[in-house]
């Protein structure tokens, strides 16, 4: 008997914010992402390079806010 599982890919809608976070003694760029089918309150912080690897076709150029010189999560 075969077990079939179904995985649904939830797509990002936008980039609400971005920031630098201190993680394991290094600075990491993170993006605040709201997801398809979820409210903006459920948006999650995603590491920039992981996000780009997973969603390479997502247009970031016009959606990235400026850092405004702040560091988050320190």
C-alpha atoms as a PDB file:
ATOM      1  CA  UNK A   1       0.000   0.000   0.000  1.00  0.00           C
ATOM      2  CA  UNK A   2       1.462   3.351  -1.051  1.00  0.00           C
ATOM      3  CA  UNK A   3       1.249   6.400   1.143  1.00  0.00           C
ATOM      4  CA  UNK A   4       0.706   9.579  -0.829  1.00  0.00           C
ATOM      5  CA  UNK A   5       1.285  12.903   0.812  1.00  0.00           C
ATOM      6  CA  UNK A   6       0.339  16.273  -0.577  1.00  0.00           C
ATOM      7  CA  UNK A   7       2.489  19.325   0.086  1.00  0.00           C
ATOM      8  CA  UNK A   8       1.063  22.727  -0.667  1.00  0.00           C
ATOM      9  CA  UNK A   9       3.491  25.510  -1.481  1.00  0.00           C
ATOM     10  CA  UNK A  10       2.470  28.782   0.139  1.00  0.00           C
ATOM     11  CA  UNK A  11       3.739  31.751  -1.837  1.00  0.00           C
ATOM     12  CA  UNK A  12       5.028  35.073  -0.472  1.00  0.00           C
ATOM     13  CA  UNK A  13       2.862  38.114  -1.191  1.00  0.00           C
ATOM     14  CA  UNK A  14       5.252  40.983  -0.498  1.00  0.00           C
ATOM     15  CA  UNK A  15       8.133  42.198   1.630  1.00  0.00           C
ATOM     16  CA  UNK A  16       6.816  44.293   4.525  1.00  0.00           C
ATOM     17  CA  UNK A  17      10.164  45.160   6.099  1.00  0.00           C
ATOM     18  CA  UNK A  18      13.803  44.126   6.257  1.00  0.00           C
ATOM     19  CA  UNK A  19      16.466  44.337   8.898  1.00  0.00           C
ATOM     20  CA  UNK A  20      19.797  43.162  10.212  1.00  0.00           C
ATOM     21  CA  UNK A  21      19.674  40.593  13.000  1.00  0.00           C
ATOM     22  CA  UNK A  22      22.525  39.308  15.138  1.00  0.00           C
ATOM     23  CA  UNK A  23      22.571  35.485  14.924  1.00  0.00           C
ATOM     24  CA  UNK A  24      25.457  33.389  16.252  1.00  0.00           C
ATOM     25  CA  UNK A  25      27.787  36.406  16.373  1.00  0.00           C
ATOM     26  CA  UNK A  26      27.118  37.400  12.764  1.00  0.00           C
ATOM     27  CA  UNK A  27      24.765  39.846  11.095  1.00  0.00           C
ATOM     28  CA  UNK A  28      21.996  38.299   9.012  1.00  0.00           C
ATOM     29  CA  UNK A  29      19.632  40.130   6.679  1.00  0.00           C
ATOM     30  CA  UNK A  30      16.024  39.093   7.222  1.00  0.00           C
ATOM     31  CA  UNK A  31      12.816  39.928   5.403  1.00  0.00           C
ATOM     32  CA  UNK A  32       9.363  40.245   6.947  1.00  0.00           C
ATOM     33  CA  UNK A  33       7.128  38.209   4.638  1.00  0.00           C
ATOM     34  CA  UNK A  34       3.327  37.877   4.614  1.00  0.00           C
ATOM     35  CA  UNK A  35       2.188  34.591   3.064  1.00  0.00           C
ATOM     36  CA  UNK A  36      -0.639  33.671   0.721  1.00  0.00           C
ATOM     37  CA  UNK A  37      -3.802  32.797   2.637  1.00  0.00           C
ATOM     38  CA  UNK A  38      -2.558  34.307   5.914  1.00  0.00           C
ATOM     39  CA  UNK A  39      -3.033  37.697   7.553  1.00  0.00           C
ATOM     40  CA  UNK A  40      -0.256  40.294   7.776  1.00  0.00           C
ATOM     41  CA  UNK A  41      -0.156  39.622  11.529  1.00  0.00           C
ATOM     42  CA  UNK A  42       1.111  36.117  10.695  1.00  0.00           C
ATOM     43  CA  UNK A  43       4.041  37.428   8.613  1.00  0.00           C
ATOM     44  CA  UNK A  44       7.358  35.777   9.439  1.00  0.00           C
ATOM     45  CA  UNK A  45      10.988  36.903   9.407  1.00  0.00           C
ATOM     46  CA  UNK A  46      12.904  34.920   6.762  1.00  0.00           C
ATOM     47  CA  UNK A  47      16.638  34.925   6.114  1.00  0.00           C
ATOM     48  CA  UNK A  48      17.351  36.776   2.874  1.00  0.00           C
ATOM     49  CA  UNK A  49      19.556  34.137   1.188  1.00  0.00           C
ATOM     50  CA  UNK A  50      17.206  31.269   2.092  1.00  0.00           C
ATOM     51  CA  UNK A  51      14.253  33.260   0.768  1.00  0.00           C
ATOM     52  CA  UNK A  52      16.043  33.998  -2.521  1.00  0.00           C
ATOM     53  CA  UNK A  53      17.004  30.325  -2.902  1.00  0.00           C
ATOM     54  CA  UNK A  54      13.402  29.143  -2.352  1.00  0.00           C
ATOM     55  CA  UNK A  55      11.654  31.884  -4.332  1.00  0.00           C
ATOM     56  CA  UNK A  56      14.164  32.849  -7.044  1.00  0.00           C
ATOM     57  CA  UNK A  57      11.449  34.235  -9.332  1.00  0.00           C
ATOM     58  CA  UNK A  58      10.100  36.614  -6.658  1.00  0.00           C
ATOM     59  CA  UNK A  59      10.977  40.192  -7.646  1.00  0.00           C
ATOM     60  CA  UNK A  60      12.803  41.720  -4.666  1.00  0.00           C
ATOM     61  CA  UNK A  61      14.274  44.845  -6.252  1.00  0.00           C
ATOM     62  CA  UNK A  62      11.195  47.034  -5.918  1.00  0.00           C
ATOM     63  CA  UNK A  63       9.984  45.479  -2.648  1.00  0.00           C
ATOM     64  CA  UNK A  64      12.943  45.878  -0.298  1.00  0.00           C
ATOM     65  CA  UNK A  65      12.611  48.780   2.130  1.00  0.00           C
ATOM     66  CA  UNK A  66      15.792  50.562   3.149  1.00  0.00           C
ATOM     67  CA  UNK A  67      17.460  49.566   6.408  1.00  0.00           C
ATOM     68  CA  UNK A  68      17.253  53.058   7.872  1.00  0.00           C
ATOM     69  CA  UNK A  69      20.430  52.257   9.850  1.00  0.00           C
ATOM     70  CA  UNK A  70      18.814  49.900  12.327  1.00  0.00           C
ATOM     71  CA  UNK A  71      19.783  46.516  13.671  1.00  0.00           C
ATOM     72  CA  UNK A  72      17.100  44.217  15.017  1.00  0.00           C
ATOM     73  CA  UNK A  73      17.220  41.265  17.362  1.00  0.00           C
ATOM     74  CA  UNK A  74      20.337  42.281  19.286  1.00  0.00           C
END
